[in-house]
Amino acid sequence: MGSTKSDNRNSNEKENRKKLGIIILGILLVIVIALLATVVVLLLKKEPEQEGNNGVYVMEEGNYSQIAEQMEGEVQEGYFETYMNMEWTFPDGTSESTDAILGNSPNNTKPIRCEVLLSDTGEKIFSTEAIPVGAQLPPFKLDVDLDAGVYSAVCRIYLLQESGDGTYTDYSDAGFNITITVEN
């Protein structure tokens, strides 16, 4: 008889352990299902990215004024404004331009520099040092004596980042197609 009580007790303990194991397994299963459901809901609820220009403007015929209004006072980090004309005239290959305009907008926070490259050869025909914020270049000569003619060129403007030692490195850049006319 003593052994029956012991057997019943062992049997009850085994059943209790089995029930406890099933309960723990059930709780873990509910937790895993809840976590999966939460992940699915979060992924499905993710808001689509808001549309906007994100600082990128596509200039097309007729929308210049609209873009200028949107950009006014809105120069983002890494972006910059410049003002320039697209047709530069030089009386000859060694004289100052009579109409070239190139300046660093007062809306910028960093200086810029410029390089002008001939479109067909890539030859650098003009470059500047750092142009301070708000400054405009005075009348200037090309670095290369060009023969009389009309030249297609790219005016590459570089936004500059000041280094700890007071020198500048290029931070970002943009290129603009220009026409250079050398008259004589």
C-alpha atoms as a PDB file:
ATOM      1  CA  MET A   1       0.000   0.000   0.000  1.00  0.00           C
ATOM      2  CA  GLY A   2       2.817   2.338   0.779  1.00  0.00           C
ATOM      3  CA  SER A   3       4.132   1.921  -2.684  1.00  0.00           C
ATOM      4  CA  THR A   4       0.723   2.800  -4.251  1.00  0.00           C
ATOM      5  CA  LYS A   5       0.689   6.152  -2.485  1.00  0.00           C
ATOM      6  CA  SER A   6       4.207   6.765  -3.687  1.00  0.00           C
ATOM      7  CA  ASP A   7       3.235   5.734  -7.229  1.00  0.00           C
ATOM      8  CA  ASN A   8       0.143   7.989  -7.120  1.00  0.00           C
ATOM      9  CA  ARG A   9       2.215  10.862  -5.854  1.00  0.00           C
ATOM     10  CA  ASN A  10       4.843  10.327  -8.599  1.00  0.00           C
ATOM     11  CA  SER A  11       2.050  10.042 -11.151  1.00  0.00           C
ATOM     12  CA  ASN A  12       0.421  13.273  -9.873  1.00  0.00           C
ATOM     13  CA  GLU A  13       3.781  15.053  -9.946  1.00  0.00           C
ATOM     14  CA  LYS A  14       4.371  13.884 -13.514  1.00  0.00           C
ATOM     15  CA  GLU A  15       0.902  15.075 -14.542  1.00  0.00           C
ATOM     16  CA  ASN A  16       1.442  18.419 -12.806  1.00  0.00           C
ATOM     17  CA  ARG A  17       4.807  18.857 -14.550  1.00  0.00           C
ATOM     18  CA  LYS A  18       3.219  17.900 -17.847  1.00  0.00           C
ATOM     19  CA  LYS A  19       0.393  20.424 -17.301  1.00  0.00           C
ATOM     20  CA  LEU A  20       2.889  23.095 -16.254  1.00  0.00           C
ATOM     21  CA  GLY A  21       4.984  22.396 -19.375  1.00  0.00           C
ATOM     22  CA  ILE A  22       1.883  22.697 -21.583  1.00  0.00           C
ATOM     23  CA  ILE A  23       0.884  25.958 -19.868  1.00  0.00           C
ATOM     24  CA  ILE A  24       4.398  27.430 -20.312  1.00  0.00           C
ATOM     25  CA  LEU A  25       4.449  26.286 -23.959  1.00  0.00           C
ATOM     26  CA  GLY A  26       1.022  27.863 -24.491  1.00  0.00           C
ATOM     27  CA  ILE A  27       2.139  31.167 -22.947  1.00  0.00           C
ATOM     28  CA  LEU A  28       5.287  31.218 -25.106  1.00  0.00           C
ATOM     29  CA  LEU A  29       3.189  30.489 -28.206  1.00  0.00           C
ATOM     30  CA  VAL A  30       0.819  33.372 -27.363  1.00  0.00           C
ATOM     31  CA  ILE A  31       3.799  35.728 -26.871  1.00  0.00           C
ATOM     32  CA  VAL A  32       5.353  34.714 -30.212  1.00  0.00           C
ATOM     33  CA  ILE A  33       2.010  35.191 -32.020  1.00  0.00           C
ATOM     34  CA  ALA A  34       1.554  38.609 -30.359  1.00  0.00           C
ATOM     35  CA  LEU A  35       5.059  39.688 -31.398  1.00  0.00           C
ATOM     36  CA  LEU A  36       4.497  38.548 -34.979  1.00  0.00           C
ATOM     37  CA  ALA A  37       1.153  40.354 -35.101  1.00  0.00           C
ATOM     38  CA  THR A  38       2.785  43.533 -33.774  1.00  0.00           C
ATOM     39  CA  VAL A  39       5.537  43.383 -36.406  1.00  0.00           C
ATOM     40  CA  VAL A  40       3.010  42.828 -39.188  1.00  0.00           C
ATOM     41  CA  VAL A  41       0.826  45.717 -37.987  1.00  0.00           C
ATOM     42  CA  LEU A  42       3.826  48.054 -37.730  1.00  0.00           C
ATOM     43  CA  LEU A  43       5.025  47.125 -41.208  1.00  0.00           C
ATOM     44  CA  LEU A  44       1.582  47.607 -42.726  1.00  0.00           C
ATOM     45  CA  LYS A  45       1.004  50.870 -40.848  1.00  0.00           C
ATOM     46  CA  LYS A  46       4.314  52.396 -41.985  1.00  0.00           C
ATOM     47  CA  GLU A  47       3.456  55.763 -43.486  1.00  0.00           C
ATOM     48  CA  PRO A  48       4.614  56.329 -47.037  1.00  0.00           C
ATOM     49  CA  GLU A  49       7.380  58.875 -47.370  1.00  0.00           C
ATOM     50  CA  GLN A  50       6.030  62.331 -47.784  1.00  0.00           C
ATOM     51  CA  GLU A  51       6.456  63.711 -51.216  1.00  0.00           C
ATOM     52  CA  GLY A  52       8.295  66.952 -51.573  1.00  0.00           C
ATOM     53  CA  ASN A  53      11.184  68.390 -53.450  1.00  0.00           C
ATOM     54  CA  ASN A  54      13.752  67.379 -50.786  1.00  0.00           C
ATOM     55  CA  GLY A  55      15.886  70.240 -52.069  1.00  0.00           C
ATOM     56  CA  VAL A  56      15.800  68.958 -55.658  1.00  0.00           C
ATOM     57  CA  TYR A  57      14.347  71.244 -58.260  1.00  0.00           C
ATOM     58  CA  VAL A  58      13.852  70.395 -61.929  1.00  0.00           C
ATOM     59  CA  MET A  59      13.974  73.537 -63.989  1.00  0.00           C
ATOM     60  CA  GLU A  60      11.820  73.440 -67.097  1.00  0.00           C
ATOM     61  CA  GLU A  61      10.735  76.122 -69.493  1.00  0.00           C
ATOM     62  CA  GLY A  62       8.345  78.444 -67.705  1.00  0.00           C
ATOM     63  CA  ASN A  63       8.834  77.297 -64.095  1.00  0.00           C
ATOM     64  CA  TYR A  64      11.858  79.421 -63.168  1.00  0.00           C
ATOM     65  CA  SER A  65       9.823  81.981 -61.190  1.00  0.00           C
ATOM     66  CA  GLN A  66       8.012  79.267 -59.244  1.00  0.00           C
ATOM     67  CA  ILE A  67      11.284  77.534 -58.328  1.00  0.00           C
ATOM     68  CA  ALA A  68      12.923  80.837 -57.370  1.00  0.00           C
ATOM     69  CA  GLU A  69      10.021  81.564 -54.984  1.00  0.00           C
ATOM     70  CA  GLN A  70      10.260  78.106 -53.419  1.00  0.00           C
ATOM     71  CA  MET A  71      14.019  78.381 -52.977  1.00  0.00           C
ATOM     72  CA  GLU A  72      14.055  81.896 -51.554  1.00  0.00           C
ATOM     73  CA  GLY A  73      15.862  81.755 -48.240  1.00  0.00           C
ATOM     74  CA  GLU A  74      15.925  77.937 -48.361  1.00  0.00           C
ATOM     75  CA  VAL A  75      19.504  76.917 -48.988  1.00  0.00           C
ATOM     76  CA  GLN A  76      19.959  73.499 -47.390  1.00  0.00           C
ATOM     77  CA  GLU A  77      23.219  72.002 -46.162  1.00  0.00           C
ATOM     78  CA  GLY A  78      25.307  70.941 -49.149  1.00  0.00           C
ATOM     79  CA  TYR A  79      23.257  73.096 -51.500  1.00  0.00           C
ATOM     80  CA  PHE A  80      24.073  76.594 -52.593  1.00  0.00           C
ATOM     81  CA  GLU A  81      22.867  79.522 -54.622  1.00  0.00           C
ATOM     82  CA  THR A  82      24.921  81.384 -57.144  1.00  0.00           C
ATOM     83  CA  TYR A  83      24.096  84.156 -59.521  1.00  0.00           C
ATOM     84  CA  MET A  84      25.604  84.345 -62.957  1.00  0.00           C
ATOM     85  CA  ASN A  85      24.814  84.980 -66.577  1.00  0.00           C
ATOM     86  CA  MET A  86      25.149  82.277 -69.196  1.00  0.00           C
ATOM     87  CA  GLU A  87      26.802  84.262 -72.017  1.00  0.00           C
ATOM     88  CA  TRP A  88      30.209  85.813 -71.459  1.00  0.00           C
ATOM     89  CA  THR A  89      31.831  88.161 -73.962  1.00  0.00           C
ATOM     90  CA  PHE A  90      35.528  89.031 -74.203  1.00  0.00           C
ATOM     91  CA  PRO A  91      36.863  91.653 -76.674  1.00  0.00           C
ATOM     92  CA  ASP A  92      39.847  89.326 -77.324  1.00  0.00           C
ATOM     93  CA  GLY A  93      41.538  86.350 -75.697  1.00  0.00           C
ATOM     94  CA  THR A  94      43.557  88.455 -73.238  1.00  0.00           C
ATOM     95  CA  SER A  95      41.039  91.132 -72.176  1.00  0.00           C
ATOM     96  CA  GLU A  96      38.571  91.277 -69.307  1.00  0.00           C
ATOM     97  CA  SER A  97      35.003  90.244 -69.946  1.00  0.00           C
ATOM     98  CA  THR A  98      32.575  93.031 -70.747  1.00  0.00           C
ATOM     99  CA  ASP A  99      29.502  91.278 -69.324  1.00  0.00           C
ATOM    100  CA  ALA A 100      30.362  88.155 -67.308  1.00  0.00           C
ATOM    101  CA  ILE A 101      28.638  87.973 -63.922  1.00  0.00           C
ATOM    102  CA  LEU A 102      29.498  85.391 -61.295  1.00  0.00           C
ATOM    103  CA  GLY A 103      28.759  85.725 -57.588  1.00  0.00           C
ATOM    104  CA  ASN A 104      28.172  83.862 -54.333  1.00  0.00           C
ATOM    105  CA  SER A 105      24.678  84.494 -52.978  1.00  0.00           C
ATOM    106  CA  PRO A 106      24.331  86.185 -49.585  1.00  0.00           C
ATOM    107  CA  ASN A 107      21.908  83.336 -48.700  1.00  0.00           C
ATOM    108  CA  ASN A 108      24.817  80.868 -48.630  1.00  0.00           C
ATOM    109  CA  THR A 109      26.782  80.018 -45.519  1.00  0.00           C
ATOM    110  CA  LYS A 110      30.010  78.950 -47.246  1.00  0.00           C
ATOM    111  CA  PRO A 111      32.346  80.313 -49.901  1.00  0.00           C
ATOM    112  CA  ILE A 112      32.378  78.954 -53.452  1.00  0.00           C
ATOM    113  CA  ARG A 113      34.966  78.631 -56.206  1.00  0.00           C
ATOM    114  CA  CYS A 114      34.618  78.266 -59.962  1.00  0.00           C
ATOM    115  CA  GLU A 115      36.253  76.440 -62.859  1.00  0.00           C
ATOM    116  CA  VAL A 116      35.320  76.901 -66.526  1.00  0.00           C
ATOM    117  CA  LEU A 117      36.025  73.994 -68.880  1.00  0.00           C
ATOM    118  CA  LEU A 118      35.605  73.923 -72.648  1.00  0.00           C
ATOM    119  CA  SER A 119      32.844  71.449 -73.479  1.00  0.00           C
ATOM    120  CA  ASP A 120      34.580  69.822 -76.449  1.00  0.00           C
ATOM    121  CA  THR A 121      38.060  69.322 -74.939  1.00  0.00           C
ATOM    122  CA  GLY A 122      37.592  69.609 -71.159  1.00  0.00           C
ATOM    123  CA  GLU A 123      40.437  72.156 -71.083  1.00  0.00           C
ATOM    124  CA  LYS A 124      40.291  74.419 -68.016  1.00  0.00           C
ATOM    125  CA  ILE A 125      40.261  78.010 -69.248  1.00  0.00           C
ATOM    126  CA  PHE A 126      39.371  79.859 -66.039  1.00  0.00           C
ATOM    127  CA  SER A 127      39.381  79.260 -62.291  1.00  0.00           C
ATOM    128  CA  THR A 128      38.937  81.334 -59.163  1.00  0.00           C
ATOM    129  CA  GLU A 129      40.084  81.247 -55.590  1.00  0.00           C
ATOM    130  CA  ALA A 130      37.404  81.168 -52.859  1.00  0.00           C
ATOM    131  CA  ILE A 131      34.596  83.668 -53.440  1.00  0.00           C
ATOM    132  CA  PRO A 132      33.237  84.843 -50.071  1.00  0.00           C
ATOM    133  CA  VAL A 133      29.526  84.729 -49.235  1.00  0.00           C
ATOM    134  CA  GLY A 134      27.757  87.685 -50.846  1.00  0.00           C
ATOM    135  CA  ALA A 135      30.698  88.614 -53.110  1.00  0.00           C
ATOM    136  CA  GLN A 136      30.710  89.035 -56.884  1.00  0.00           C
ATOM    137  CA  LEU A 137      33.778  88.678 -59.085  1.00  0.00           C
ATOM    138  CA  PRO A 138      35.054  91.918 -60.559  1.00  0.00           C
ATOM    139  CA  PRO A 139      35.601  91.909 -64.348  1.00  0.00           C
ATOM    140  CA  PHE A 140      38.058  89.105 -65.118  1.00  0.00           C
ATOM    141  CA  LYS A 141      40.255  87.638 -67.850  1.00  0.00           C
ATOM    142  CA  LEU A 142      40.343  84.028 -68.953  1.00  0.00           C
ATOM    143  CA  ASP A 143      43.407  82.022 -67.872  1.00  0.00           C
ATOM    144  CA  VAL A 144      43.892  80.887 -71.491  1.00  0.00           C
ATOM    145  CA  ASP A 145      44.233  83.114 -74.570  1.00  0.00           C
ATOM    146  CA  LEU A 146      41.419  81.856 -76.813  1.00  0.00           C
ATOM    147  CA  ASP A 147      41.216  82.659 -80.516  1.00  0.00           C
ATOM    148  CA  ALA A 148      38.226  84.643 -81.777  1.00  0.00           C
ATOM    149  CA  GLY A 149      35.095  82.518 -81.874  1.00  0.00           C
ATOM    150  CA  VAL A 150      32.147  81.166 -79.941  1.00  0.00           C
ATOM    151  CA  TYR A 151      32.839  78.436 -77.389  1.00  0.00           C
ATOM    152  CA  SER A 152      30.564  76.115 -75.446  1.00  0.00           C
ATOM    153  CA  ALA A 153      31.786  75.659 -71.903  1.00  0.00           C
ATOM    154  CA  VAL A 154      30.768  74.360 -68.491  1.00  0.00           C
ATOM    155  CA  CYS A 155      31.031  76.651 -65.492  1.00  0.00           C
ATOM    156  CA  ARG A 156      31.558  74.319 -62.521  1.00  0.00           C
ATOM    157  CA  ILE A 157      30.774  75.908 -59.142  1.00  0.00           C
ATOM    158  CA  TYR A 158      32.105  74.249 -55.976  1.00  0.00           C
ATOM    159  CA  LEU A 159      30.748  74.850 -52.484  1.00  0.00           C
ATOM    160  CA  LEU A 160      33.722  74.927 -50.118  1.00  0.00           C
ATOM    161  CA  GLN A 161      34.112  73.450 -46.634  1.00  0.00           C
ATOM    162  CA  GLU A 162      36.699  75.069 -44.368  1.00  0.00           C
ATOM    163  CA  SER A 163      39.206  72.660 -42.849  1.00  0.00           C
ATOM    164  CA  GLY A 164      40.632  73.015 -39.364  1.00  0.00           C
ATOM    165  CA  ASP A 165      43.869  74.460 -40.770  1.00  0.00           C
ATOM    166  CA  GLY A 166      42.072  77.313 -42.584  1.00  0.00           C
ATOM    167  CA  THR A 167      42.230  75.752 -46.050  1.00  0.00           C
ATOM    168  CA  TYR A 168      39.169  74.778 -48.093  1.00  0.00           C
ATOM    169  CA  THR A 169      38.025  71.515 -49.616  1.00  0.00           C
ATOM    170  CA  ASP A 170      35.267  70.964 -52.172  1.00  0.00           C
ATOM    171  CA  TYR A 171      32.008  70.056 -50.427  1.00  0.00           C
ATOM    172  CA  SER A 172      29.501  69.863 -53.303  1.00  0.00           C
ATOM    173  CA  ASP A 173      29.298  71.173 -56.846  1.00  0.00           C
ATOM    174  CA  ALA A 174      27.079  71.922 -59.828  1.00  0.00           C
ATOM    175  CA  GLY A 175      27.789  72.642 -63.473  1.00  0.00           C
ATOM    176  CA  PHE A 176      26.144  75.175 -65.786  1.00  0.00           C
ATOM    177  CA  ASN A 177      26.429  75.361 -69.576  1.00  0.00           C
ATOM    178  CA  ILE A 178      27.650  78.765 -70.723  1.00  0.00           C
ATOM    179  CA  THR A 179      28.638  80.349 -74.026  1.00  0.00           C
ATOM    180  CA  ILE A 180      31.865  82.307 -74.314  1.00  0.00           C
ATOM    181  CA  THR A 181      32.321  84.710 -77.197  1.00  0.00           C
ATOM    182  CA  VAL A 182      35.791  86.019 -78.012  1.00  0.00           C
ATOM    183  CA  GLU A 183      35.292  88.871 -80.489  1.00  0.00           C
ATOM    184  CA  ASN A 184      38.799  89.427 -81.954  1.00  0.00           C
END
